[in-house]
Amino acid sequence: MEAYGVTRFTKDVDFLIASSDIAIMSQLLIRAGYEKGVETSIFSRWKHPSMAVDDIDVMYVKPETFEKLLQDCRFLKVGNADLRVPSIPSLISLKLHAMKSNPDRIDKDGRDIADLLKTNPGVLNRSELEALFAKYSCSFYFPQFSHLVS
């Protein structure tokens, strides 16, 4: 989100990886001193014993989904690392998928979508955004966001 000018007040770092890379990511985090707190089939949360180090959330997607997300990603320089960040349409798609899968996320992910659209006007037009909402069976929520696009 911060790659697109949206500041969030959560104290964690989010990673999205192909599910085929779970073991590799787990080894890296363990070597860095993290401990796995929660894990589901699509997500894990990692905590570091130091209060000065942010928690890490790792979301898992199918390898073919990950490859699609790479096609229109952008790069973000963080220190010496170049990180890949999903495009705004891809981020919105991920948020809509989360909303559809877990209605408890509607407020949080809905705010993220609104913030992305307000901070990045013109990145999607009305018909493109409406198509994304329809694709993820979230058309019911589209009227709450339609005023943010032209």
N, C-alpha and C. Protein backbone atom coordinates (compact mmCIF):
# COMPACT_ATOMS: atom_id res chain seq x y z
N MET A 1 0.83 -1.19 0.00
CA MET A 1 0.00 0.00 0.00
C MET A 1 0.88 1.26 0.00
N GLU A 2 1.95 1.22 0.79
CA GLU A 2 2.81 2.40 0.87
C GLU A 2 3.51 2.69 -0.46
N ALA A 3 3.69 1.67 -1.29
CA ALA A 3 4.29 1.88 -2.61
C ALA A 3 3.43 2.80 -3.47
N TYR A 4 2.15 2.91 -3.11
CA TYR A 4 1.20 3.74 -3.86
C TYR A 4 0.73 4.95 -3.06
N GLY A 5 1.49 5.32 -2.04
CA GLY A 5 1.20 6.54 -1.30
C GLY A 5 0.18 6.41 -0.19
N VAL A 6 -0.20 5.20 0.16
CA VAL A 6 -1.19 4.99 1.22
C VAL A 6 -0.46 4.55 2.48
N THR A 7 -0.55 5.37 3.52
CA THR A 7 0.08 5.04 4.79
C THR A 7 -0.93 4.30 5.65
N ARG A 8 -0.53 3.15 6.13
CA ARG A 8 -1.36 2.37 7.04
C ARG A 8 -0.73 2.41 8.41
N PHE A 9 -1.53 2.22 9.41
CA PHE A 9 -1.03 2.32 10.77
C PHE A 9 -0.86 0.96 11.44
N THR A 10 -0.78 -0.08 10.61
CA THR A 10 -0.48 -1.40 11.16
C THR A 10 1.03 -1.51 11.30
N LYS A 11 1.47 -2.28 12.25
CA LYS A 11 2.89 -2.46 12.49
C LYS A 11 3.31 -3.85 12.03
N ASP A 12 3.12 -4.13 10.76
CA ASP A 12 3.59 -5.39 10.21
C ASP A 12 4.01 -5.18 8.77
N VAL A 13 4.66 -6.19 8.24
CA VAL A 13 5.09 -6.17 6.85
C VAL A 13 4.38 -7.34 6.18
N ASP A 14 3.77 -7.08 5.04
CA ASP A 14 3.05 -8.13 4.30
C ASP A 14 3.88 -8.64 3.14
N PHE A 15 3.92 -9.96 3.00
CA PHE A 15 4.55 -10.61 1.86
C PHE A 15 3.52 -11.49 1.19
N LEU A 16 3.60 -11.58 -0.12
CA LEU A 16 2.76 -12.47 -0.91
C LEU A 16 3.71 -13.41 -1.64
N ILE A 17 3.53 -14.71 -1.45
CA ILE A 17 4.43 -15.67 -2.09
C ILE A 17 3.62 -16.78 -2.75
N ALA A 18 4.28 -17.47 -3.68
CA ALA A 18 3.68 -18.67 -4.27
C ALA A 18 3.67 -19.76 -3.20
N SER A 19 2.61 -20.52 -3.13
CA SER A 19 2.51 -21.56 -2.11
C SER A 19 3.64 -22.58 -2.23
N SER A 20 4.22 -22.70 -3.39
CA SER A 20 5.35 -23.61 -3.58
C SER A 20 6.61 -23.12 -2.87
N ASP A 21 6.62 -21.88 -2.40
CA ASP A 21 7.79 -21.30 -1.73
C ASP A 21 7.63 -21.17 -0.21
N ILE A 22 6.61 -21.80 0.35
CA ILE A 22 6.35 -21.68 1.79
C ILE A 22 7.54 -22.16 2.61
N ALA A 23 8.11 -23.31 2.27
CA ALA A 23 9.22 -23.86 3.05
C ALA A 23 10.43 -22.93 3.00
N ILE A 24 10.72 -22.37 1.84
CA ILE A 24 11.87 -21.46 1.70
C ILE A 24 11.66 -20.21 2.55
N MET A 25 10.46 -19.62 2.47
CA MET A 25 10.17 -18.42 3.25
C MET A 25 10.23 -18.72 4.74
N SER A 26 9.71 -19.86 5.16
CA SER A 26 9.75 -20.25 6.57
C SER A 26 11.19 -20.35 7.07
N GLN A 27 12.05 -20.97 6.28
CA GLN A 27 13.46 -21.11 6.67
C GLN A 27 14.12 -19.74 6.82
N LEU A 28 13.84 -18.83 5.88
CA LEU A 28 14.41 -17.48 5.95
C LEU A 28 13.97 -16.75 7.21
N LEU A 29 12.68 -16.84 7.51
CA LEU A 29 12.16 -16.13 8.68
C LEU A 29 12.68 -16.72 9.99
N ILE A 30 12.78 -18.03 10.05
CA ILE A 30 13.33 -18.68 11.25
C ILE A 30 14.79 -18.27 11.45
N ARG A 31 15.55 -18.26 10.35
CA ARG A 31 16.95 -17.83 10.44
C ARG A 31 17.08 -16.38 10.90
N ALA A 32 16.08 -15.56 10.58
CA ALA A 32 16.10 -14.15 10.99
C ALA A 32 15.57 -13.96 12.42
N GLY A 33 15.21 -15.07 13.08
CA GLY A 33 14.78 -14.97 14.48
C GLY A 33 13.28 -14.93 14.69
N TYR A 34 12.50 -15.09 13.62
CA TYR A 34 11.04 -15.05 13.75
C TYR A 34 10.50 -16.40 14.21
N GLU A 35 9.34 -16.32 14.85
CA GLU A 35 8.61 -17.52 15.27
C GLU A 35 7.22 -17.47 14.66
N LYS A 36 6.78 -18.60 14.16
CA LYS A 36 5.46 -18.66 13.54
C LYS A 36 4.40 -18.62 14.63
N GLY A 37 3.46 -17.69 14.50
CA GLY A 37 2.38 -17.58 15.47
C GLY A 37 1.13 -18.29 15.02
N VAL A 38 0.68 -17.98 13.83
CA VAL A 38 -0.56 -18.52 13.28
C VAL A 38 -0.30 -18.97 11.85
N GLU A 39 -0.93 -20.07 11.47
CA GLU A 39 -0.83 -20.47 10.06
C GLU A 39 -2.13 -21.14 9.64
N THR A 40 -2.60 -20.75 8.45
CA THR A 40 -3.73 -21.41 7.80
C THR A 40 -3.24 -21.87 6.43
N SER A 41 -4.13 -22.37 5.62
CA SER A 41 -3.73 -22.82 4.28
C SER A 41 -3.38 -21.65 3.36
N ILE A 42 -3.74 -20.42 3.74
CA ILE A 42 -3.50 -19.28 2.85
C ILE A 42 -2.69 -18.16 3.50
N PHE A 43 -2.22 -18.37 4.74
CA PHE A 43 -1.66 -17.25 5.49
C PHE A 43 -0.82 -17.75 6.66
N SER A 44 0.22 -16.99 7.00
CA SER A 44 0.93 -17.21 8.27
C SER A 44 1.35 -15.86 8.84
N ARG A 45 1.41 -15.81 10.16
CA ARG A 45 1.86 -14.59 10.87
C ARG A 45 3.09 -14.96 11.69
N TRP A 46 4.10 -14.13 11.53
CA TRP A 46 5.37 -14.37 12.19
C TRP A 46 5.69 -13.23 13.14
N LYS A 47 6.19 -13.59 14.31
CA LYS A 47 6.54 -12.59 15.32
C LYS A 47 8.02 -12.73 15.67
N HIS A 48 8.62 -11.60 15.94
CA HIS A 48 10.02 -11.57 16.35
C HIS A 48 10.05 -11.26 17.84
N PRO A 49 10.97 -11.87 18.59
CA PRO A 49 11.00 -11.60 20.03
C PRO A 49 11.34 -10.15 20.38
N SER A 50 11.98 -9.44 19.47
CA SER A 50 12.31 -8.04 19.73
C SER A 50 11.12 -7.15 19.40
N MET A 51 10.77 -6.27 20.32
CA MET A 51 9.67 -5.33 20.07
C MET A 51 10.05 -4.30 19.01
N ALA A 52 11.33 -4.20 18.69
CA ALA A 52 11.79 -3.22 17.70
C ALA A 52 11.66 -3.73 16.27
N VAL A 53 11.24 -4.99 16.10
CA VAL A 53 11.14 -5.60 14.78
C VAL A 53 9.67 -5.87 14.47
N ASP A 54 9.24 -5.44 13.29
CA ASP A 54 7.83 -5.60 12.90
C ASP A 54 7.46 -7.07 12.69
N ASP A 55 6.19 -7.38 12.96
CA ASP A 55 5.65 -8.69 12.63
C ASP A 55 5.60 -8.82 11.12
N ILE A 56 5.54 -10.06 10.65
CA ILE A 56 5.44 -10.33 9.22
C ILE A 56 4.23 -11.21 8.97
N ASP A 57 3.39 -10.78 8.03
CA ASP A 57 2.29 -11.60 7.54
C ASP A 57 2.66 -12.09 6.16
N VAL A 58 2.49 -13.39 5.93
CA VAL A 58 2.81 -13.99 4.63
C VAL A 58 1.52 -14.60 4.07
N MET A 59 1.11 -14.10 2.91
CA MET A 59 -0.06 -14.64 2.23
C MET A 59 0.41 -15.58 1.12
N TYR A 60 -0.28 -16.72 1.00
CA TYR A 60 0.08 -17.71 0.00
C TYR A 60 -0.94 -17.70 -1.14
N VAL A 61 -0.45 -17.76 -2.35
CA VAL A 61 -1.31 -17.90 -3.53
C VAL A 61 -0.76 -19.03 -4.39
N LYS A 62 -1.60 -19.55 -5.26
CA LYS A 62 -1.16 -20.60 -6.19
C LYS A 62 -0.03 -20.05 -7.05
N PRO A 63 0.91 -20.91 -7.43
CA PRO A 63 2.02 -20.44 -8.27
C PRO A 63 1.56 -19.75 -9.56
N GLU A 64 0.50 -20.22 -10.17
CA GLU A 64 0.02 -19.59 -11.41
C GLU A 64 -0.57 -18.20 -11.14
N THR A 65 -1.19 -18.03 -9.98
CA THR A 65 -1.69 -16.70 -9.59
C THR A 65 -0.52 -15.76 -9.33
N PHE A 66 0.51 -16.27 -8.67
CA PHE A 66 1.69 -15.46 -8.39
C PHE A 66 2.34 -15.00 -9.70
N GLU A 67 2.43 -15.88 -10.67
CA GLU A 67 3.03 -15.52 -11.97
C GLU A 67 2.21 -14.42 -12.65
N LYS A 68 0.90 -14.50 -12.56
CA LYS A 68 0.04 -13.45 -13.15
C LYS A 68 0.30 -12.10 -12.46
N LEU A 69 0.43 -12.13 -11.14
CA LEU A 69 0.67 -10.90 -10.39
C LEU A 69 2.03 -10.27 -10.74
N LEU A 70 2.99 -11.11 -11.10
CA LEU A 70 4.31 -10.60 -11.47
C LEU A 70 4.28 -9.85 -12.80
N GLN A 71 3.33 -10.16 -13.65
CA GLN A 71 3.29 -9.58 -15.00
C GLN A 71 3.13 -8.07 -15.01
N ASP A 72 2.39 -7.53 -14.05
CA ASP A 72 2.19 -6.07 -14.05
C ASP A 72 2.63 -5.42 -12.74
N CYS A 73 3.59 -6.06 -12.08
CA CYS A 73 4.06 -5.50 -10.81
C CYS A 73 4.97 -4.30 -11.06
N ARG A 74 5.24 -3.59 -9.98
CA ARG A 74 6.22 -2.51 -10.05
C ARG A 74 7.28 -2.79 -9.00
N PHE A 75 8.42 -2.13 -9.11
CA PHE A 75 9.51 -2.36 -8.18
C PHE A 75 9.57 -1.22 -7.17
N LEU A 76 9.87 -1.59 -5.94
CA LEU A 76 10.01 -0.64 -4.85
C LEU A 76 11.36 -0.89 -4.19
N LYS A 77 12.18 0.14 -4.12
CA LYS A 77 13.50 0.02 -3.50
C LYS A 77 13.35 0.21 -2.00
N VAL A 78 13.80 -0.78 -1.23
CA VAL A 78 13.81 -0.71 0.22
C VAL A 78 15.22 -1.09 0.67
N GLY A 79 15.96 -0.10 1.12
CA GLY A 79 17.37 -0.35 1.46
C GLY A 79 18.12 -0.75 0.21
N ASN A 80 18.74 -1.91 0.26
CA ASN A 80 19.47 -2.44 -0.90
C ASN A 80 18.64 -3.40 -1.73
N ALA A 81 17.41 -3.62 -1.33
CA ALA A 81 16.57 -4.61 -2.01
C ALA A 81 15.57 -3.95 -2.96
N ASP A 82 15.35 -4.60 -4.09
CA ASP A 82 14.28 -4.22 -5.01
C ASP A 82 13.14 -5.20 -4.80
N LEU A 83 12.05 -4.72 -4.23
CA LEU A 83 10.89 -5.57 -3.98
C LEU A 83 9.86 -5.39 -5.07
N ARG A 84 9.19 -6.47 -5.41
CA ARG A 84 8.11 -6.41 -6.38
C ARG A 84 6.80 -6.15 -5.64
N VAL A 85 6.03 -5.23 -6.18
CA VAL A 85 4.76 -4.84 -5.57
C VAL A 85 3.66 -5.04 -6.61
N PRO A 86 2.57 -5.72 -6.24
CA PRO A 86 1.48 -5.88 -7.21
C PRO A 86 0.95 -4.53 -7.68
N SER A 87 0.47 -4.47 -8.91
CA SER A 87 -0.15 -3.26 -9.44
C SER A 87 -1.39 -2.92 -8.61
N ILE A 88 -1.88 -1.71 -8.77
CA ILE A 88 -3.10 -1.31 -8.04
C ILE A 88 -4.28 -2.20 -8.42
N PRO A 89 -4.54 -2.47 -9.70
CA PRO A 89 -5.65 -3.39 -10.00
C PRO A 89 -5.45 -4.77 -9.35
N SER A 90 -4.22 -5.26 -9.32
CA SER A 90 -3.96 -6.55 -8.68
C SER A 90 -4.16 -6.47 -7.18
N LEU A 91 -3.72 -5.38 -6.55
CA LEU A 91 -3.95 -5.21 -5.11
C LEU A 91 -5.44 -5.17 -4.79
N ILE A 92 -6.18 -4.44 -5.60
CA ILE A 92 -7.63 -4.36 -5.38
C ILE A 92 -8.25 -5.74 -5.56
N SER A 93 -7.79 -6.49 -6.55
CA SER A 93 -8.29 -7.85 -6.76
C SER A 93 -8.02 -8.72 -5.53
N LEU A 94 -6.82 -8.62 -4.96
CA LEU A 94 -6.50 -9.38 -3.76
C LEU A 94 -7.40 -8.98 -2.60
N LYS A 95 -7.66 -7.69 -2.47
CA LYS A 95 -8.54 -7.19 -1.40
C LYS A 95 -9.97 -7.70 -1.59
N LEU A 96 -10.45 -7.67 -2.84
CA LEU A 96 -11.81 -8.15 -3.11
C LEU A 96 -11.93 -9.65 -2.84
N HIS A 97 -10.91 -10.39 -3.22
CA HIS A 97 -10.91 -11.82 -2.94
C HIS A 97 -10.96 -12.08 -1.43
N ALA A 98 -10.19 -11.31 -0.66
CA ALA A 98 -10.20 -11.45 0.79
C ALA A 98 -11.58 -11.10 1.36
N MET A 99 -12.20 -10.04 0.83
CA MET A 99 -13.54 -9.65 1.30
C MET A 99 -14.55 -10.74 1.02
N LYS A 100 -14.46 -11.33 -0.16
CA LYS A 100 -15.40 -12.38 -0.54
C LYS A 100 -15.20 -13.62 0.34
N SER A 101 -13.94 -13.95 0.61
CA SER A 101 -13.62 -15.15 1.38
C SER A 101 -13.88 -14.99 2.88
N ASN A 102 -13.77 -13.76 3.37
CA ASN A 102 -13.92 -13.51 4.80
C ASN A 102 -14.62 -12.18 5.02
N PRO A 103 -15.93 -12.19 5.20
CA PRO A 103 -16.69 -10.94 5.36
C PRO A 103 -16.20 -10.07 6.53
N ASP A 104 -15.49 -10.64 7.49
CA ASP A 104 -14.94 -9.82 8.58
C ASP A 104 -13.91 -8.82 8.08
N ARG A 105 -13.40 -9.02 6.86
CA ARG A 105 -12.37 -8.14 6.31
C ARG A 105 -12.96 -6.99 5.49
N ILE A 106 -14.25 -6.92 5.35
CA ILE A 106 -14.87 -5.93 4.47
C ILE A 106 -14.48 -4.50 4.88
N ASP A 107 -14.57 -4.17 6.15
CA ASP A 107 -14.25 -2.80 6.57
C ASP A 107 -12.78 -2.48 6.31
N LYS A 108 -11.88 -3.34 6.74
CA LYS A 108 -10.44 -3.09 6.60
C LYS A 108 -10.03 -3.03 5.12
N ASP A 109 -10.39 -4.06 4.37
CA ASP A 109 -9.99 -4.10 2.96
C ASP A 109 -10.75 -3.07 2.13
N GLY A 110 -11.98 -2.80 2.51
CA GLY A 110 -12.74 -1.75 1.82
C GLY A 110 -12.09 -0.39 1.98
N ARG A 111 -11.61 -0.10 3.20
CA ARG A 111 -10.88 1.17 3.42
C ARG A 111 -9.61 1.22 2.60
N ASP A 112 -8.91 0.08 2.52
CA ASP A 112 -7.69 0.04 1.71
C ASP A 112 -7.99 0.33 0.24
N ILE A 113 -9.06 -0.25 -0.29
CA ILE A 113 -9.44 -0.01 -1.68
C ILE A 113 -9.76 1.46 -1.89
N ALA A 114 -10.56 2.02 -0.98
CA ALA A 114 -10.92 3.44 -1.09
C ALA A 114 -9.68 4.32 -1.04
N ASP A 115 -8.77 4.03 -0.12
CA ASP A 115 -7.54 4.82 0.00
C ASP A 115 -6.69 4.72 -1.26
N LEU A 116 -6.57 3.53 -1.83
CA LEU A 116 -5.80 3.36 -3.07
C LEU A 116 -6.40 4.20 -4.20
N LEU A 117 -7.72 4.18 -4.32
CA LEU A 117 -8.39 4.93 -5.39
C LEU A 117 -8.29 6.43 -5.18
N LYS A 118 -8.45 6.89 -3.93
CA LYS A 118 -8.36 8.33 -3.65
C LYS A 118 -6.94 8.86 -3.86
N THR A 119 -5.96 8.07 -3.48
CA THR A 119 -4.56 8.50 -3.57
C THR A 119 -4.01 8.39 -4.99
N ASN A 120 -4.63 7.57 -5.81
CA ASN A 120 -4.14 7.32 -7.17
C ASN A 120 -5.27 7.51 -8.18
N PRO A 121 -5.79 8.74 -8.30
CA PRO A 121 -6.92 8.96 -9.20
C PRO A 121 -6.55 8.64 -10.65
N GLY A 122 -7.50 8.05 -11.34
CA GLY A 122 -7.31 7.76 -12.76
C GLY A 122 -6.65 6.44 -13.06
N VAL A 123 -6.22 5.71 -12.02
CA VAL A 123 -5.55 4.44 -12.27
C VAL A 123 -6.54 3.40 -12.82
N LEU A 124 -7.79 3.53 -12.45
CA LEU A 124 -8.88 2.70 -12.98
C LEU A 124 -10.05 3.59 -13.30
N ASN A 125 -10.75 3.27 -14.38
CA ASN A 125 -11.98 4.00 -14.64
C ASN A 125 -13.15 3.21 -14.05
N ARG A 126 -14.31 3.81 -14.13
CA ARG A 126 -15.50 3.21 -13.51
C ARG A 126 -15.78 1.80 -14.02
N SER A 127 -15.73 1.59 -15.33
CA SER A 127 -16.06 0.27 -15.87
C SER A 127 -15.00 -0.77 -15.49
N GLU A 128 -13.73 -0.37 -15.41
CA GLU A 128 -12.69 -1.31 -15.00
C GLU A 128 -12.87 -1.73 -13.54
N LEU A 129 -13.18 -0.76 -12.68
CA LEU A 129 -13.39 -1.07 -11.28
C LEU A 129 -14.64 -1.93 -11.09
N GLU A 130 -15.69 -1.58 -11.79
CA GLU A 130 -16.93 -2.36 -11.70
C GLU A 130 -16.70 -3.80 -12.15
N ALA A 131 -15.88 -3.99 -13.18
CA ALA A 131 -15.57 -5.34 -13.66
C ALA A 131 -14.80 -6.14 -12.61
N LEU A 132 -13.89 -5.48 -11.91
CA LEU A 132 -13.17 -6.18 -10.84
C LEU A 132 -14.13 -6.62 -9.73
N PHE A 133 -15.02 -5.73 -9.33
CA PHE A 133 -15.99 -6.08 -8.29
C PHE A 133 -16.86 -7.25 -8.74
N ALA A 134 -17.27 -7.25 -10.01
CA ALA A 134 -18.09 -8.33 -10.53
C ALA A 134 -17.31 -9.65 -10.58
N LYS A 135 -16.05 -9.58 -11.00
CA LYS A 135 -15.21 -10.77 -11.11
C LYS A 135 -15.11 -11.51 -9.78
N TYR A 136 -15.09 -10.77 -8.70
CA TYR A 136 -14.94 -11.38 -7.37
C TYR A 136 -16.26 -11.46 -6.61
N SER A 137 -17.36 -11.38 -7.35
CA SER A 137 -18.71 -11.50 -6.78
C SER A 137 -18.92 -10.50 -5.64
N CYS A 138 -18.42 -9.29 -5.84
CA CYS A 138 -18.56 -8.22 -4.84
C CYS A 138 -19.34 -7.03 -5.41
N SER A 139 -20.13 -7.25 -6.45
CA SER A 139 -20.87 -6.15 -7.08
C SER A 139 -21.75 -5.40 -6.09
N PHE A 140 -22.22 -6.09 -5.07
CA PHE A 140 -23.07 -5.48 -4.06
C PHE A 140 -22.37 -4.28 -3.41
N TYR A 141 -21.02 -4.34 -3.29
CA TYR A 141 -20.27 -3.27 -2.63
C TYR A 141 -19.85 -2.14 -3.57
N PHE A 142 -19.97 -2.38 -4.88
CA PHE A 142 -19.46 -1.38 -5.84
C PHE A 142 -20.04 0.01 -5.63
N PRO A 143 -21.34 0.19 -5.38
CA PRO A 143 -21.86 1.55 -5.23
C PRO A 143 -21.15 2.37 -4.15
N GLN A 144 -20.58 1.72 -3.15
CA GLN A 144 -19.85 2.45 -2.11
C GLN A 144 -18.53 3.02 -2.60
N PHE A 145 -18.06 2.54 -3.77
CA PHE A 145 -16.77 2.97 -4.31
C PHE A 145 -16.88 3.71 -5.64
N SER A 146 -18.05 3.67 -6.26
CA SER A 146 -18.21 4.21 -7.61
C SER A 146 -17.90 5.69 -7.70
N HIS A 147 -18.12 6.44 -6.63
CA HIS A 147 -17.86 7.88 -6.64
C HIS A 147 -16.36 8.20 -6.68
N LEU A 148 -15.51 7.19 -6.47
CA LEU A 148 -14.06 7.41 -6.44
C LEU A 148 -13.41 7.29 -7.81
N VAL A 149 -14.18 6.93 -8.81
CA VAL A 149 -13.65 6.77 -10.18
C VAL A 149 -14.54 7.50 -11.16
N SER A 150 -13.95 7.83 -12.32
CA SER A 150 -14.76 8.54 -13.32
C SER A 150 -15.14 7.63 -14.46
